[in-house]
Amino acid sequence: ISERNMKTQKTFQKGFTLIELLVVIAVIGVLAGAIIVAINPVDQLKRARDTQRISSTSQIAGAVSAFYASKGGIYPTANTTWITQIQSQGELKVIPAAVYGAAGFATCAATAVQNGYCYLLSGNDFVVWSRLESLAQSNKCPTAPNTVPVYLFSSAMAQGGIACLTTSEPATTAGYTFVNP
């Protein structure tokens, strides 16, 4: 090999050019942006809070039923410490933590609200509910004004599920139509 060919070969270096690196970075950025839009992290957080609300509401409803059975047909008093009453009687080991959504997200207007979980007592029946906020749950309800999804347990109906209410809270303990999961 001549000396001239060796000098020519030495000038070629392995690696990527700056343009190639910038193109790859731009493509990765576009893909990352598309994935973030598809995942919708804000709604994912709302779904997680909804899951916690559904689980806690079911747990609380079971504890209210147990309280009723152990106290000889007496329900907890409908006030701001109704969950504490259940816990103090040993029907609920831990009071579920408050699960609040974004600012301005009202859970209910009832007077018997503790940690965002609502309670209505009417005669020998009760309703425990919490409002849901995710887009997946909202889409289950009609688009009528003031229709909100809630997870609701009714002792009169002996069942719980997601219901769409025309106000932020139930007015009675029975007569709800639950939407499909």
Protein backbone atom coordinates (compact mmCIF):
# COMPACT_ATOMS: atom_id res chain seq x y z
CA ILE A 1 0.00 0.00 0.00
CA SER A 2 1.33 3.34 -0.94
CA GLU A 3 1.82 6.10 1.56
CA ARG A 4 -0.79 8.23 -0.16
CA ASN A 5 -3.51 5.54 0.27
CA MET A 6 -2.70 5.23 3.98
CA LYS A 7 -3.17 8.98 4.50
CA THR A 8 -6.54 8.84 2.72
CA GLN A 9 -7.70 5.93 4.87
CA LYS A 10 -6.72 7.71 8.09
CA THR A 11 -8.94 10.71 7.31
CA PHE A 12 -12.09 8.54 7.42
CA GLN A 13 -13.41 8.11 10.98
CA LYS A 14 -16.14 5.91 12.36
CA GLY A 15 -19.20 7.43 14.12
CA PHE A 16 -22.28 9.52 13.50
CA THR A 17 -22.46 13.00 12.15
CA LEU A 18 -24.13 15.77 14.09
CA ILE A 19 -27.02 15.82 11.60
CA GLU A 20 -27.66 12.09 12.07
CA LEU A 21 -27.72 12.48 15.86
CA LEU A 22 -30.12 15.43 15.67
CA VAL A 23 -32.47 13.49 13.38
CA VAL A 24 -32.53 10.52 15.78
CA ILE A 25 -33.18 12.81 18.76
CA ALA A 26 -36.03 14.53 16.88
CA VAL A 27 -37.63 11.18 15.98
CA ILE A 28 -37.40 10.00 19.60
CA GLY A 29 -38.95 13.29 20.75
CA VAL A 30 -41.89 12.93 18.36
CA LEU A 31 -42.48 9.32 19.46
CA ALA A 32 -42.29 10.28 23.15
CA GLY A 33 -44.79 13.09 22.60
CA ALA A 34 -47.21 10.74 20.84
CA ILE A 35 -46.96 8.18 23.64
CA ILE A 36 -47.59 10.79 26.33
CA VAL A 37 -50.69 12.01 24.49
CA ALA A 38 -51.95 8.42 24.06
CA ILE A 39 -51.37 7.51 27.72
CA ASN A 40 -52.89 10.75 29.10
CA PRO A 41 -51.14 10.77 32.48
CA VAL A 42 -53.67 13.16 34.07
CA ASP A 43 -56.55 10.77 33.36
CA GLN A 44 -54.44 7.85 34.57
CA LEU A 45 -54.12 9.60 37.93
CA LYS A 46 -57.88 10.16 37.99
CA ARG A 47 -58.44 6.46 37.23
CA ALA A 48 -56.16 5.49 40.10
CA ARG A 49 -58.07 7.76 42.49
CA ASP A 50 -61.37 6.30 41.21
CA THR A 51 -60.12 2.77 41.86
CA GLN A 52 -59.19 3.73 45.41
CA ARG A 53 -62.60 5.38 45.94
CA ILE A 54 -64.47 2.30 44.65
CA SER A 55 -62.47 -0.04 46.87
CA SER A 56 -62.80 2.13 49.97
CA THR A 57 -66.51 2.76 49.43
CA SER A 58 -67.15 -0.99 49.20
CA GLN A 59 -65.11 -1.56 52.36
CA ILE A 60 -66.97 1.18 54.23
CA ALA A 61 -70.37 -0.15 53.09
CA GLY A 62 -69.49 -3.57 54.46
CA ALA A 63 -68.39 -2.01 57.75
CA VAL A 64 -71.66 -0.04 58.03
CA SER A 65 -73.60 -3.28 57.52
CA ALA A 66 -71.49 -5.01 60.18
CA PHE A 67 -72.02 -2.06 62.55
CA TYR A 68 -75.78 -2.35 62.01
CA ALA A 69 -75.72 -6.08 62.77
CA SER A 70 -73.51 -5.78 65.86
CA LYS A 71 -75.44 -2.81 67.32
CA GLY A 72 -78.83 -4.49 67.09
CA GLY A 73 -80.24 -2.56 64.14
CA ILE A 74 -78.70 0.85 64.78
CA TYR A 75 -76.72 2.64 62.06
CA PRO A 76 -73.91 5.14 62.66
CA THR A 77 -75.17 8.69 63.18
CA ALA A 78 -75.13 10.71 59.96
CA ASN A 79 -72.56 13.40 60.77
CA THR A 80 -68.98 14.33 59.90
CA THR A 81 -67.53 11.53 62.06
CA TRP A 82 -69.64 8.62 60.85
CA ILE A 83 -66.63 6.60 59.66
CA THR A 84 -64.89 7.18 63.00
CA GLN A 85 -67.96 5.73 64.76
CA ILE A 86 -67.59 2.55 62.68
CA GLN A 87 -63.89 2.32 63.44
CA SER A 88 -64.33 2.89 67.17
CA GLN A 89 -66.72 -0.09 67.29
CA GLY A 90 -64.10 -2.29 65.62
CA GLU A 91 -65.95 -2.76 62.32
CA LEU A 92 -63.29 -0.92 60.34
CA LYS A 93 -59.63 -1.32 61.16
CA VAL A 94 -58.34 1.80 59.38
CA ILE A 95 -60.26 4.83 58.16
CA PRO A 96 -59.65 5.14 54.41
CA ALA A 97 -57.52 8.11 53.50
CA ALA A 98 -59.08 11.09 51.83
CA VAL A 99 -58.96 10.82 48.06
CA TYR A 100 -59.47 14.26 46.62
CA GLY A 101 -59.21 15.14 42.97
CA ALA A 102 -58.25 18.33 41.27
CA ALA A 103 -59.15 21.70 42.74
CA GLY A 104 -62.86 22.35 42.55
CA PHE A 105 -63.78 18.68 42.51
CA ALA A 106 -66.71 18.43 44.90
CA THR A 107 -67.37 14.97 46.29
CA CYS A 108 -70.85 15.62 47.69
CA ALA A 109 -72.85 18.23 49.53
CA ALA A 110 -74.23 15.95 52.24
CA THR A 111 -73.66 16.83 55.87
CA ALA A 112 -72.40 13.29 56.57
CA VAL A 113 -69.09 13.51 54.73
CA GLN A 114 -65.80 12.20 56.07
CA ASN A 115 -62.61 12.02 53.98
CA GLY A 116 -64.65 12.53 50.81
CA TYR A 117 -66.92 9.54 51.47
CA CYS A 118 -70.60 10.38 51.75
CA TYR A 119 -73.38 8.79 53.78
CA LEU A 120 -77.16 9.02 53.66
CA LEU A 121 -79.31 7.39 56.30
CA SER A 122 -83.03 6.95 55.71
CA GLY A 123 -85.03 4.79 58.09
CA ASN A 124 -83.65 1.25 58.02
CA ASP A 125 -81.51 1.80 54.92
CA PHE A 126 -78.34 3.63 54.04
CA VAL A 127 -76.36 4.71 51.00
CA VAL A 128 -72.59 5.19 50.93
CA TRP A 129 -71.09 6.83 47.86
CA SER A 130 -68.14 8.69 46.43
CA ARG A 131 -67.95 10.70 43.26
CA LEU A 132 -65.77 9.47 40.40
CA GLU A 133 -63.75 11.74 38.15
CA SER A 134 -61.97 9.85 35.36
CA LEU A 135 -62.94 10.22 31.73
CA ALA A 136 -63.63 6.48 31.52
CA GLN A 137 -66.25 6.76 34.27
CA SER A 138 -67.71 10.04 32.98
CA ASN A 139 -68.21 8.51 29.54
CA LYS A 140 -70.54 5.92 31.08
CA CYS A 141 -73.01 8.64 31.98
CA PRO A 142 -75.26 10.55 29.60
CA THR A 143 -74.15 13.99 28.58
CA ALA A 144 -77.08 15.67 30.33
CA PRO A 145 -76.08 18.68 32.40
CA ASN A 146 -75.09 17.90 35.98
CA THR A 147 -74.90 14.14 35.41
CA VAL A 148 -72.07 12.77 37.50
CA PRO A 149 -70.70 9.23 37.95
CA VAL A 150 -70.58 7.92 41.51
CA TYR A 151 -69.74 4.60 43.07
CA LEU A 152 -72.72 3.89 45.29
CA PHE A 153 -73.73 1.12 47.68
CA SER A 154 -77.39 0.92 48.66
CA SER A 155 -78.46 -1.31 51.57
CA ALA A 156 -82.07 -1.19 50.32
CA MET A 157 -80.95 -2.68 47.00
CA ALA A 158 -78.24 -4.83 48.65
CA GLN A 159 -75.76 -3.96 45.93
CA GLY A 160 -73.21 -1.46 44.82
CA GLY A 161 -71.97 -0.18 41.51
CA ILE A 162 -71.41 2.85 39.34
CA ALA A 163 -74.50 4.99 38.95
CA CYS A 164 -75.11 8.21 37.08
CA LEU A 165 -76.86 10.84 39.16
CA THR A 166 -78.41 14.06 37.95
CA THR A 167 -77.17 15.75 41.10
CA SER A 168 -74.00 15.23 43.09
CA GLU A 169 -75.72 12.97 45.60
CA PRO A 170 -78.59 10.52 45.94
CA ALA A 171 -81.91 11.65 47.36
CA THR A 172 -83.10 8.22 48.42
CA THR A 173 -81.68 4.82 49.37
CA ALA A 174 -83.13 2.80 46.45
CA GLY A 175 -84.13 2.96 42.81
CA TYR A 176 -80.74 3.34 41.16
CA THR A 177 -79.72 1.97 37.80
CA PHE A 178 -76.13 0.83 37.71
CA VAL A 179 -74.15 1.26 34.50
CA ASN A 180 -72.15 -1.58 32.96
CA PRO A 181 -68.52 -1.79 34.10
